[in-house]
Amino acid sequence: MEKKQAAKLRGEHCLTIFVSYEFKARIKELAQRYDRTLSDMVRTVLKIGIPVMEGISEAEEKMIKEYVRLFRKFRQIKNLKDV
């Protein structure tokens, strides 16, 4: 079977974001300190940050589910005591 490749359109891989002056200054400072381009630093920050953000989001989702489960359990116990 042949794998279909997605059509690569010019500019489709580009991303424009707006950040604060302070954030941009921090990234520029890191780029200068480690002799890298600003683009390389942004790519690196994104590559590192995405897995971290996924982990935080998964943990948050688990905590919310557990909180809801405990809340329902305590509500059932309270209802049983009221009877």
N, C-alpha and C. Protein backbone atom coordinates (compact mmCIF):
# COMPACT_ATOMS: atom_id res chain seq x y z
N MET A 1 0.83 -1.18 0.00
CA MET A 1 0.00 0.00 0.00
C MET A 1 0.87 1.25 0.00
N GLU A 2 0.44 2.21 -0.73
CA GLU A 2 1.17 3.47 -0.79
C GLU A 2 0.65 4.42 0.27
N LYS A 3 1.58 5.08 0.94
CA LYS A 3 1.19 6.08 1.93
C LYS A 3 0.97 7.40 1.22
N LYS A 4 -0.14 8.03 1.51
CA LYS A 4 -0.42 9.33 0.92
C LYS A 4 0.28 10.41 1.73
N GLN A 5 1.01 11.26 1.04
CA GLN A 5 1.65 12.38 1.71
C GLN A 5 0.75 13.60 1.59
N ALA A 6 0.67 14.33 2.67
CA ALA A 6 -0.12 15.56 2.66
C ALA A 6 0.56 16.56 1.73
N ALA A 7 -0.24 17.25 0.97
CA ALA A 7 0.32 18.26 0.07
C ALA A 7 0.95 19.37 0.90
N LYS A 8 2.17 19.69 0.59
CA LYS A 8 2.88 20.72 1.32
C LYS A 8 2.72 22.04 0.57
N LEU A 9 1.98 22.92 1.18
CA LEU A 9 1.77 24.23 0.58
C LEU A 9 2.80 25.21 1.12
N ARG A 10 3.25 26.09 0.28
CA ARG A 10 4.24 27.08 0.69
C ARG A 10 3.63 27.96 1.79
N GLY A 11 4.36 28.07 2.89
CA GLY A 11 3.90 28.90 3.99
C GLY A 11 2.95 28.20 4.95
N GLU A 12 2.55 26.98 4.64
CA GLU A 12 1.60 26.25 5.48
C GLU A 12 2.23 25.88 6.84
N HIS A 13 3.54 25.78 6.89
CA HIS A 13 4.23 25.40 8.11
C HIS A 13 4.58 26.61 8.99
N CYS A 14 4.27 27.79 8.53
CA CYS A 14 4.61 29.01 9.27
C CYS A 14 3.57 29.30 10.35
N LEU A 15 4.02 29.97 11.38
CA LEU A 15 3.15 30.33 12.49
C LEU A 15 3.53 31.73 12.95
N THR A 16 2.54 32.59 13.05
CA THR A 16 2.79 33.95 13.53
C THR A 16 2.16 34.07 14.91
N ILE A 17 2.98 34.47 15.89
CA ILE A 17 2.46 34.65 17.24
C ILE A 17 2.89 36.01 17.76
N PHE A 18 2.11 36.55 18.65
CA PHE A 18 2.43 37.81 19.29
C PHE A 18 2.74 37.52 20.75
N VAL A 19 3.88 38.03 21.21
CA VAL A 19 4.29 37.82 22.59
C VAL A 19 4.64 39.18 23.20
N SER A 20 4.78 39.21 24.50
CA SER A 20 5.15 40.46 25.17
C SER A 20 6.60 40.81 24.86
N TYR A 21 6.93 42.07 25.03
CA TYR A 21 8.31 42.52 24.82
C TYR A 21 9.25 41.81 25.78
N GLU A 22 8.79 41.60 27.00
CA GLU A 22 9.63 40.95 28.00
C GLU A 22 9.95 39.52 27.61
N PHE A 23 8.94 38.80 27.12
CA PHE A 23 9.14 37.41 26.71
C PHE A 23 10.10 37.33 25.52
N LYS A 24 9.92 38.22 24.56
CA LYS A 24 10.80 38.24 23.40
C LYS A 24 12.23 38.58 23.83
N ALA A 25 12.38 39.50 24.77
CA ALA A 25 13.71 39.86 25.26
C ALA A 25 14.38 38.68 25.94
N ARG A 26 13.62 37.90 26.70
CA ARG A 26 14.19 36.72 27.37
C ARG A 26 14.67 35.70 26.35
N ILE A 27 13.87 35.49 25.30
CA ILE A 27 14.27 34.52 24.27
C ILE A 27 15.49 35.03 23.51
N LYS A 28 15.52 36.33 23.20
CA LYS A 28 16.70 36.91 22.53
C LYS A 28 17.94 36.74 23.39
N GLU A 29 17.79 36.98 24.68
CA GLU A 29 18.92 36.86 25.60
C GLU A 29 19.45 35.42 25.61
N LEU A 30 18.54 34.46 25.67
CA LEU A 30 18.95 33.05 25.63
C LEU A 30 19.65 32.72 24.32
N ALA A 31 19.11 33.22 23.23
CA ALA A 31 19.70 32.96 21.92
C ALA A 31 21.12 33.51 21.85
N GLN A 32 21.33 34.70 22.37
CA GLN A 32 22.67 35.30 22.36
C GLN A 32 23.62 34.54 23.28
N ARG A 33 23.12 34.17 24.45
CA ARG A 33 23.95 33.47 25.43
C ARG A 33 24.45 32.13 24.88
N TYR A 34 23.58 31.40 24.17
CA TYR A 34 23.95 30.08 23.68
C TYR A 34 24.29 30.08 22.19
N ASP A 35 24.51 31.27 21.62
CA ASP A 35 24.93 31.41 20.23
C ASP A 35 24.01 30.66 19.26
N ARG A 36 22.74 30.96 19.38
CA ARG A 36 21.74 30.37 18.49
C ARG A 36 20.91 31.48 17.90
N THR A 37 20.17 31.14 16.86
CA THR A 37 19.28 32.15 16.27
C THR A 37 18.00 32.22 17.09
N LEU A 38 17.30 33.32 16.94
CA LEU A 38 16.03 33.48 17.63
C LEU A 38 15.06 32.39 17.20
N SER A 39 15.04 32.07 15.92
CA SER A 39 14.16 31.02 15.41
C SER A 39 14.47 29.67 16.05
N ASP A 40 15.75 29.35 16.18
CA ASP A 40 16.14 28.08 16.81
C ASP A 40 15.66 28.02 18.26
N MET A 41 15.80 29.14 18.96
CA MET A 41 15.36 29.17 20.36
C MET A 41 13.86 28.99 20.47
N VAL A 42 13.11 29.65 19.59
CA VAL A 42 11.64 29.53 19.63
C VAL A 42 11.24 28.10 19.33
N ARG A 43 11.86 27.49 18.32
CA ARG A 43 11.54 26.09 17.98
C ARG A 43 11.84 25.17 19.16
N THR A 44 12.98 25.39 19.80
CA THR A 44 13.37 24.56 20.94
C THR A 44 12.40 24.72 22.10
N VAL A 45 12.03 25.95 22.39
CA VAL A 45 11.08 26.20 23.48
C VAL A 45 9.75 25.50 23.19
N LEU A 46 9.30 25.57 21.95
CA LEU A 46 8.05 24.90 21.58
C LEU A 46 8.18 23.38 21.69
N LYS A 47 9.30 22.83 21.21
CA LYS A 47 9.49 21.37 21.28
C LYS A 47 9.51 20.88 22.72
N ILE A 48 10.13 21.64 23.59
CA ILE A 48 10.20 21.25 25.00
C ILE A 48 8.86 21.52 25.69
N GLY A 49 8.25 22.63 25.35
CA GLY A 49 7.03 23.05 26.04
C GLY A 49 5.80 22.23 25.73
N ILE A 50 5.70 21.69 24.52
CA ILE A 50 4.51 20.94 24.15
C ILE A 50 4.33 19.68 25.02
N PRO A 51 5.36 18.83 25.19
CA PRO A 51 5.18 17.68 26.08
C PRO A 51 4.88 18.08 27.52
N VAL A 52 5.50 19.16 27.98
CA VAL A 52 5.23 19.64 29.34
C VAL A 52 3.77 20.05 29.46
N MET A 53 3.29 20.80 28.48
CA MET A 53 1.89 21.26 28.50
C MET A 53 0.93 20.08 28.42
N GLU A 54 1.26 19.08 27.62
CA GLU A 54 0.42 17.88 27.54
C GLU A 54 0.35 17.19 28.89
N GLY A 55 1.49 17.07 29.57
CA GLY A 55 1.52 16.44 30.89
C GLY A 55 0.69 17.21 31.90
N ILE A 56 0.83 18.53 31.90
CA ILE A 56 0.05 19.36 32.82
C ILE A 56 -1.43 19.22 32.54
N SER A 57 -1.80 19.23 31.27
CA SER A 57 -3.22 19.13 30.90
C SER A 57 -3.80 17.78 31.30
N GLU A 58 -3.04 16.71 31.09
CA GLU A 58 -3.50 15.38 31.48
C GLU A 58 -3.67 15.28 32.99
N ALA A 59 -2.73 15.83 33.74
CA ALA A 59 -2.82 15.80 35.20
C ALA A 59 -4.02 16.61 35.68
N GLU A 60 -4.25 17.75 35.05
CA GLU A 60 -5.39 18.58 35.41
C GLU A 60 -6.71 17.84 35.13
N GLU A 61 -6.77 17.17 34.00
CA GLU A 61 -7.97 16.41 33.64
C GLU A 61 -8.23 15.30 34.65
N LYS A 62 -7.17 14.58 35.05
CA LYS A 62 -7.31 13.51 36.04
C LYS A 62 -7.77 14.07 37.38
N MET A 63 -7.20 15.22 37.79
CA MET A 63 -7.58 15.82 39.07
C MET A 63 -9.05 16.22 39.06
N ILE A 64 -9.51 16.79 37.96
CA ILE A 64 -10.91 17.22 37.88
C ILE A 64 -11.83 16.01 37.94
N LYS A 65 -11.49 14.95 37.21
CA LYS A 65 -12.31 13.74 37.24
C LYS A 65 -12.37 13.15 38.64
N GLU A 66 -11.22 13.12 39.31
CA GLU A 66 -11.17 12.58 40.67
C GLU A 66 -11.96 13.46 41.63
N TYR A 67 -11.85 14.77 41.48
CA TYR A 67 -12.60 15.69 42.32
C TYR A 67 -14.10 15.49 42.16
N VAL A 68 -14.56 15.36 40.91
CA VAL A 68 -15.98 15.14 40.65
C VAL A 68 -16.42 13.81 41.25
N ARG A 69 -15.59 12.77 41.11
CA ARG A 69 -15.94 11.46 41.67
C ARG A 69 -16.07 11.54 43.19
N LEU A 70 -15.10 12.22 43.85
CA LEU A 70 -15.15 12.35 45.30
C LEU A 70 -16.34 13.20 45.73
N PHE A 71 -16.62 14.25 45.00
CA PHE A 71 -17.76 15.11 45.32
C PHE A 71 -19.06 14.30 45.26
N ARG A 72 -19.22 13.49 44.22
CA ARG A 72 -20.43 12.65 44.10
C ARG A 72 -20.51 11.64 45.24
N LYS A 73 -19.35 11.07 45.60
CA LYS A 73 -19.32 10.09 46.68
C LYS A 73 -19.73 10.74 48.00
N PHE A 74 -19.16 11.91 48.30
CA PHE A 74 -19.52 12.60 49.55
C PHE A 74 -20.98 13.03 49.55
N ARG A 75 -21.50 13.43 48.39
CA ARG A 75 -22.91 13.82 48.31
C ARG A 75 -23.81 12.62 48.58
N GLN A 76 -23.42 11.44 48.07
CA GLN A 76 -24.21 10.23 48.34
C GLN A 76 -24.17 9.88 49.81
N ILE A 77 -23.01 10.01 50.43
CA ILE A 77 -22.87 9.71 51.87
C ILE A 77 -23.73 10.68 52.67
N LYS A 78 -23.72 11.95 52.29
CA LYS A 78 -24.52 12.96 52.99
C LYS A 78 -26.01 12.63 52.85
N ASN A 79 -26.41 12.22 51.66
CA ASN A 79 -27.82 11.88 51.43
C ASN A 79 -28.23 10.67 52.27
N LEU A 80 -27.33 9.70 52.45
CA LEU A 80 -27.63 8.53 53.26
C LEU A 80 -27.77 8.92 54.74
N LYS A 81 -26.94 9.87 55.20
CA LYS A 81 -27.01 10.32 56.61
C LYS A 81 -28.30 11.09 56.86
N ASP A 82 -28.79 11.79 55.84
CA ASP A 82 -30.02 12.58 56.00
C ASP A 82 -31.26 11.71 56.08
N VAL A 83 -31.17 10.49 55.59
CA VAL A 83 -32.36 9.61 55.58
C VAL A 83 -32.67 9.08 56.93
